[in-house]
Protein backbone atom coordinates (compact mmCIF):
# COMPACT_ATOMS: atom_id res chain seq x y z
CA LEU A 1 -47.86 -66.30 24.77
CA VAL A 2 -49.24 -65.34 28.17
CA SER A 3 -52.57 -67.25 26.77
CA PHE A 4 -50.53 -70.25 26.10
CA PHE A 5 -49.13 -69.92 29.56
CA CYS A 6 -52.45 -69.56 31.04
CA SER A 7 -54.07 -72.58 29.65
CA GLY A 8 -52.69 -74.63 32.34
CA LYS A 9 -50.48 -76.79 29.95
CA VAL A 10 -47.44 -75.20 31.72
CA PRO A 11 -46.67 -75.62 35.68
CA GLU A 12 -47.26 -72.65 37.40
CA ARG A 13 -43.74 -72.13 38.70
CA VAL A 14 -42.19 -72.41 34.94
CA LEU A 15 -44.88 -69.87 33.89
CA GLN A 16 -43.66 -67.32 36.64
CA LYS A 17 -39.98 -67.66 35.76
CA GLU A 18 -40.62 -67.12 32.07
CA ILE A 19 -42.67 -64.05 32.83
CA PHE A 20 -40.03 -62.85 35.06
CA ASN A 21 -37.30 -63.44 32.47
CA LYS A 22 -39.26 -61.52 29.84
CA ILE A 23 -39.88 -58.71 32.31
CA ARG A 24 -36.13 -58.45 32.85
CA LYS A 25 -34.99 -58.42 29.17
CA MET A 26 -37.71 -55.64 28.55
CA SER A 27 -36.06 -53.92 31.52
CA ASN A 28 -32.80 -54.12 30.25
CA TRP A 29 -33.74 -52.93 26.63
CA ILE A 30 -35.55 -49.98 28.23
CA TYR A 31 -33.29 -48.80 30.79
CA GLY A 32 -29.70 -49.64 29.57
CA GLY A 33 -29.01 -53.32 30.02
CA THR A 34 -28.02 -53.74 26.46
CA GLY A 35 -27.31 -49.83 26.27
CA THR A 36 -29.44 -49.53 23.17
CA LEU A 37 -32.03 -46.79 24.20
CA LEU A 38 -30.11 -45.47 27.05
CA SER A 39 -26.76 -44.91 24.90
CA ARG A 40 -28.86 -43.18 22.16
CA ARG A 41 -30.42 -40.46 24.57
CA SER A 42 -27.08 -40.10 26.08
CA ALA A 43 -25.54 -39.44 22.97
CA LEU A 44 -27.86 -37.04 21.76
CA SER A 45 -27.49 -35.09 25.29
CA VAL A 46 -23.99 -34.87 24.71
CA ASN A 47 -24.07 -33.73 21.12
CA SER A 48 -26.67 -31.14 22.02
CA MET A 49 -24.39 -29.94 24.96
CA LYS A 50 -21.45 -29.32 22.54
CA ARG A 51 -23.67 -27.63 20.11
CA LYS A 52 -24.54 -25.15 22.92
CA ARG A 53 -20.80 -24.66 24.12
CA ARG A 54 -19.37 -24.18 20.29
CA LYS A 55 -22.41 -21.72 19.90
CA MET A 56 -21.56 -19.74 23.33
CA ALA A 57 -18.11 -19.58 22.26
CA ALA A 58 -18.78 -18.19 19.18
CA GLU A 59 -20.83 -15.65 20.55
CA GLU A 60 -18.26 -14.69 22.68
CA GLU A 61 -15.75 -14.52 20.16
CA THR A 62 -18.20 -12.15 18.02
CA HIS A 63 -18.42 -9.97 20.86
CA ASN A 64 -15.27 -9.51 21.76
CA LEU A 65 -14.16 -8.73 18.01
CA GLN A 66 -17.24 -6.22 18.29
CA ILE A 67 -15.53 -4.49 21.22
CA GLU A 68 -12.13 -4.60 19.53
CA PHE A 69 -13.69 -3.25 16.27
CA GLU A 70 -15.24 -0.02 17.98
CA TRP A 71 -12.37 0.76 19.92
CA ILE A 72 -10.36 0.51 16.47
CA LEU A 73 -12.70 2.79 15.05
CA HIS A 74 -12.83 5.39 18.01
CA GLU A 75 -9.30 5.25 19.09
CA GLU A 76 -6.86 3.67 16.76
CA VAL A 77 -7.99 5.23 13.28
CA HIS A 78 -7.85 8.65 14.60
CA ALA A 79 -4.16 8.09 16.39
CA VAL A 80 -2.81 6.49 13.21
CA LEU A 81 -4.47 9.57 11.14
CA LYS A 82 -2.87 11.96 13.57
CA GLN A 83 0.47 10.20 13.17
CA LEU A 84 0.13 10.21 9.42
CA HIS A 85 -0.28 13.54 9.28
CA THR A 86 2.84 14.62 11.19
CA ILE A 87 4.93 12.51 9.00
CA LEU A 88 3.43 13.84 5.91
CA VAL A 89 4.03 17.45 6.88
CA GLU A 90 7.73 16.51 7.94
CA CYS A 91 7.81 15.21 4.47
CA ALA A 92 6.74 18.30 3.03
CA ARG A 93 9.14 20.32 4.77
CA ARG A 94 11.80 18.44 3.04
CA PHE A 95 10.64 19.32 -0.43
CA PRO A 96 12.60 22.18 -2.21
CA VAL A 97 9.07 23.65 -3.39
CA PRO A 98 6.44 25.61 -1.24
CA LEU A 99 4.19 22.94 0.01
CA TYR A 100 2.01 22.93 3.03
CA ASP A 101 3.57 26.22 4.60
CA ASN A 102 7.32 24.96 4.14
CA GLU A 103 10.00 27.55 3.41
CA GLY A 104 9.79 27.49 -0.14
CA LYS A 105 12.41 26.68 -2.72
CA LYS A 106 15.73 25.53 -1.69
CA GLN A 107 18.98 25.70 -3.90
CA ASP A 108 21.42 23.02 -4.06
CA LYS A 109 24.82 22.55 -6.16
CA PHE A 110 25.88 19.05 -7.53
CA VAL A 111 28.50 17.71 -9.45
CA LEU A 112 28.11 14.75 -11.90
CA THR A 113 30.79 13.11 -13.61
CA VAL A 114 31.91 9.75 -15.16
CA PRO A 115 35.46 8.14 -15.30
CA GLN A 116 37.89 9.29 -17.79
CA ASP A 117 36.25 12.57 -18.11
CA GLN A 118 33.80 11.45 -20.51
CA LEU A 119 31.09 13.55 -18.99
CA LYS A 120 31.09 16.50 -16.29
CA CYS A 121 28.03 18.57 -15.39
CA VAL A 122 27.86 20.75 -12.42
CA VAL A 123 24.14 21.92 -11.86
CA THR A 124 22.22 24.10 -9.63
CA LEU A 125 18.91 22.58 -8.54
CA THR A 126 16.47 25.21 -7.30
CA GLY A 127 13.09 24.10 -6.20
CA ASP A 128 11.83 21.53 -8.84
CA ALA A 129 13.98 23.03 -11.70
CA ILE A 130 17.92 23.32 -12.89
CA THR A 131 18.57 27.16 -13.14
CA HIS A 132 22.31 26.89 -13.85
CA ALA A 133 24.42 24.16 -15.32
CA ASP A 134 27.71 23.80 -17.13
CA ILE A 135 27.67 20.93 -19.27
CA SER A 136 30.76 19.09 -21.10
CA PHE A 137 30.97 15.73 -22.74
CA LYS A 138 32.83 13.78 -25.16
CA ILE A 139 31.46 11.87 -28.31
CA GLN A 140 32.73 9.53 -30.79
CA ARG A 141 32.05 10.55 -34.57
CA GLN A 142 32.61 8.40 -37.45
CA GLN A 143 36.26 7.92 -38.66
CA GLN A 144 37.15 10.95 -36.00
CA SER A 145 38.69 10.81 -32.63
CA HIS A 146 36.62 11.96 -29.67
CA GLN A 147 34.97 15.54 -29.96
CA ASN A 148 34.21 17.83 -27.00
CA GLN A 149 30.99 19.18 -26.39
CA ARG A 150 29.99 21.94 -24.29
CA THR A 151 26.42 23.53 -23.30
CA SER A 152 24.84 25.26 -20.52
CA ILE A 153 21.58 25.92 -18.79
CA ASN A 154 21.05 29.58 -17.41
CA GLN A 155 18.48 31.01 -14.82
CA ASP A 156 16.33 32.75 -17.85
CA SER A 157 15.67 29.58 -19.18
CA PRO A 158 15.61 26.78 -16.34
CA TRP A 159 15.54 22.92 -16.93
CA LYS A 160 12.03 22.01 -15.62
CA LEU A 161 12.16 18.45 -13.26
CA GLN A 162 8.57 17.63 -13.54
CA GLN A 163 8.79 14.89 -11.16
CA VAL A 164 9.51 16.98 -8.14
CA GLN A 165 6.45 18.98 -8.46
CA ASP A 166 4.45 15.85 -9.38
CA ALA A 167 5.49 13.98 -6.21
CA ALA A 168 4.70 17.24 -4.33
CA ASN A 169 1.20 17.55 -5.84
CA HIS A 170 0.44 13.79 -4.76
CA LEU A 171 1.83 14.40 -1.12
CA GLN A 172 -0.29 17.74 -0.80
CA GLN A 173 -3.32 15.44 -1.80
CA ALA A 174 -2.55 12.82 0.84
CA ILE A 175 -2.49 15.45 3.60
CA ASN A 176 -5.71 16.87 2.19
CA HIS A 177 -7.45 13.52 2.55
CA ILE A 178 -6.34 13.35 6.26
CA ASP A 179 -7.36 17.17 6.92
CA ASN A 180 -10.76 16.53 5.66
CA VAL A 181 -11.54 14.04 8.13
CA ASP A 182 -12.99 15.49 11.61
CA GLU A 183 -10.80 14.53 14.38
CA ASN A 184 -14.15 14.35 16.43
CA TYR A 185 -15.84 12.12 13.85
CA THR A 186 -16.82 8.49 14.85
CA PHE A 187 -16.59 5.81 12.18
CA LYS A 188 -19.27 3.46 12.05
CA THR A 189 -18.15 0.81 9.48
CA SER A 190 -14.92 -0.66 8.15
CA ASP A 191 -16.18 0.64 4.44
CA GLU A 192 -15.79 4.29 5.58
CA VAL A 193 -12.23 3.68 7.12
CA LEU A 194 -11.13 1.90 4.00
CA HIS A 195 -12.39 4.55 1.79
CA VAL A 196 -10.22 7.07 3.46
CA LEU A 197 -7.31 5.13 3.73
CA GLY A 198 -7.55 4.06 0.09
CA ASN A 199 -7.66 7.82 -0.76
CA ILE A 200 -4.45 8.22 1.28
CA LEU A 201 -2.49 5.28 0.05
CA GLY A 202 -3.20 6.01 -3.61
CA ALA A 203 -1.80 9.56 -3.43
CA LEU A 204 1.22 8.34 -1.30
CA GLN A 205 1.87 5.57 -3.92
CA ARG A 206 1.72 7.91 -6.69
CA GLY A 207 4.03 10.57 -5.18
CA ARG A 208 6.79 8.03 -4.49
CA THR A 209 6.31 6.28 -7.90
CA SER A 210 7.07 9.64 -9.34
CA LEU A 211 10.54 10.14 -7.84
CA VAL A 212 11.74 6.42 -7.93
CA ILE A 213 10.27 5.41 -11.63
CA PRO A 214 10.82 8.23 -14.30
CA LYS A 215 8.48 8.35 -17.23
CA LYS A 216 9.95 6.52 -20.20
CA LYS A 217 10.62 8.92 -23.30
CA SER A 218 11.65 8.19 -26.83
CA ILE A 219 14.86 9.44 -28.36
CA ASP A 220 12.31 11.36 -30.75
CA GLU A 221 10.47 12.86 -27.52
CA LEU A 222 13.58 13.89 -25.78
CA MET A 223 15.19 15.80 -28.80
CA LYS A 224 11.80 17.52 -29.18
CA SER A 225 11.30 18.04 -25.90
CA ARG A 226 10.67 22.10 -24.43
CA ASN A 227 13.81 21.41 -22.07
CA MET A 228 16.07 21.08 -25.03
CA LYS A 229 15.49 24.63 -25.82
CA SER A 230 16.90 25.79 -22.38
CA LEU A 231 20.23 24.74 -23.51
CA SER A 232 22.90 27.38 -25.03
CA PRO A 233 24.17 26.76 -27.46
CA ASN A 234 21.87 24.18 -28.99
CA LEU A 235 23.41 20.83 -29.59
CA PRO A 236 23.68 19.12 -32.91
CA GLU A 237 20.58 17.24 -34.33
CA ASP A 238 22.21 14.10 -33.34
CA LEU A 239 22.50 14.73 -29.84
CA ALA A 240 20.08 14.93 -26.78
CA ILE A 241 20.39 15.19 -22.97
CA SER A 242 18.38 14.43 -20.21
CA PHE A 243 18.04 15.20 -16.61
CA TYR A 244 15.76 13.08 -14.37
CA LEU A 245 15.04 11.55 -10.98
CA GLN A 246 15.72 7.85 -10.01
CA SER A 247 15.11 6.97 -6.31
CA HIS A 248 17.55 9.21 -4.27
CA LYS A 249 19.50 10.11 -7.08
CA LEU A 250 19.73 12.86 -9.89
CA ILE A 251 20.88 11.53 -13.35
CA PHE A 252 22.32 13.24 -16.50
CA ALA A 253 22.13 11.45 -19.64
CA VAL A 254 23.79 11.88 -23.10
CA TYR A 255 22.28 10.12 -26.01
CA GLN A 256 23.78 9.94 -29.26
CA LEU A 257 22.22 9.01 -32.79
CA THR A 258 24.07 7.14 -35.20
CA ASN A 259 23.01 5.64 -38.95
CA ILE A 260 24.74 2.41 -39.63
CA GLN A 261 23.89 1.21 -43.00
CA GLY A 262 20.58 2.96 -42.92
CA THR A 263 19.31 1.73 -39.52
CA MET A 264 19.38 4.47 -36.83
CA LYS A 265 20.85 3.69 -33.39
CA PHE A 266 21.55 5.59 -30.24
CA ASP A 267 24.38 5.55 -28.02
CA SER A 268 24.16 6.52 -24.23
CA TYR A 269 25.88 7.31 -21.02
CA GLN A 270 25.17 9.03 -17.71
CA GLY A 271 26.61 10.69 -14.66
CA GLU A 272 24.58 10.73 -11.24
CA CYS A 273 24.73 12.13 -7.87
CA SER A 274 22.91 11.50 -4.47
CA VAL A 275 20.39 14.12 -3.53
CA PRO A 276 20.24 14.35 0.28
CA TRP A 277 16.53 15.72 0.62
CA LEU A 278 15.43 12.95 -1.91
CA ASN A 279 16.43 10.15 0.26
CA ASP A 280 14.69 11.62 3.17
CA VAL A 281 11.49 12.37 1.23
CA LEU A 282 11.30 8.66 0.09
CA VAL A 283 12.34 7.32 3.57
CA LEU A 284 9.09 9.26 4.79
CA PHE A 285 6.93 8.26 2.05
CA THR A 286 7.82 4.64 2.81
CA VAL A 287 7.32 4.82 6.45
CA SER A 288 3.77 6.52 5.48
CA LEU A 289 3.07 3.73 3.43
CA GLN A 290 3.62 1.10 5.30
CA LEU A 291 1.59 2.72 8.39
CA CYS A 292 -1.21 3.47 6.20
CA GLN A 293 -1.22 -0.33 4.85
CA GLN A 294 -0.89 -1.73 8.31
CA LEU A 295 -4.19 0.19 9.46
CA LYS A 296 -5.91 -0.98 6.22
CA ASP A 297 -5.13 -4.56 6.51
CA LYS A 298 -6.34 -4.69 10.31
CA ILE A 299 -9.49 -3.05 9.22
CA SER A 300 -9.88 -5.26 6.20
CA VAL A 301 -10.21 -8.25 8.65
CA PHE A 302 -13.51 -6.59 9.97
CA SER A 303 -14.83 -6.00 6.73
CA GLN A 304 -15.87 -9.86 6.35
CA TYR A 305 -18.35 -8.85 9.40
CA LYS A 306 -20.98 -6.94 7.49
CA ASP A 307 -23.14 -6.54 10.57
CA PHE A 308 -20.26 -4.78 12.64
CA THR A 309 -21.47 -1.27 12.73
CA VAL A 310 -21.47 1.28 15.44
CA GLY A 311 -24.60 3.50 16.61
CA SER A 312 -25.33 6.03 13.72
CA ARG A 313 -24.57 9.44 13.54
CA SER A 314 -25.58 12.13 11.03
CA VAL A 315 -22.31 13.75 10.49
CA SER A 316 -20.37 12.47 7.50
CA ALA A 317 -16.41 11.60 7.92
CA LEU A 318 -15.66 13.27 4.74
CA SER A 319 -16.15 17.17 4.19
CA TYR A 320 -16.02 16.87 0.44
């Protein structure tokens, strides 16, 4: 184009004007007259700044989380374990059996009845056993009116309530798991804390379940149980009784087998009473479980950050 303009065929004034227009268009294109190149550079610059800001914000958040994580490991974990220990020792004191230096066996007397005097049972509960009971109930025999049945339990052959001892054993395990953690130990990872809390939670859940949900037994197992030998006099072969705990109640149940046209069936009825120390124990179990679970949930948030650790130390948190 310049060669054509310089050939002399175009007036000099026109030539200068055309060259000036070309230069102006080129300048506009380069420096933003049309916004093309400058806009691209500006957009790249803004995006870069946004990425840097997001990175800085993420780094600041991670730093703050690291500080909070270390504070929880250094301070809150031990504070919660100490609080848990206090609650569990108080729970142990409520048990009627020797447990964690409590007073030992306690004795309570209860009366279990149902309407119309169908059943009446006066029991003495000592520790984890019924050491005395006067039992009377009415049963229906075929083609007969109600028949009174009486039996008793005496101190020489007590009726064992295994649920009490099972719950006490699990409570002792939970306390031991806390005692095994040195109060001066510095936890380094979330996995360490979750391991300890998992052990405590497991023991507490088993202990509470032992009292709330009794183990189911068949009628045949009930009739052949060792506790049935505690009765004096023995019951007829078609009768069985059972004592068990369910939540805060002591329950006495009577089972009667009947043969109807060759099919064996059984009827049952029961009396119950509230046991004050059971209610206290279950409340303390529940409070401990909630406290332990809350700390576990908090620690679990940090477990997703696998690089979160505290300066290593050679001492182990667990002495076993």
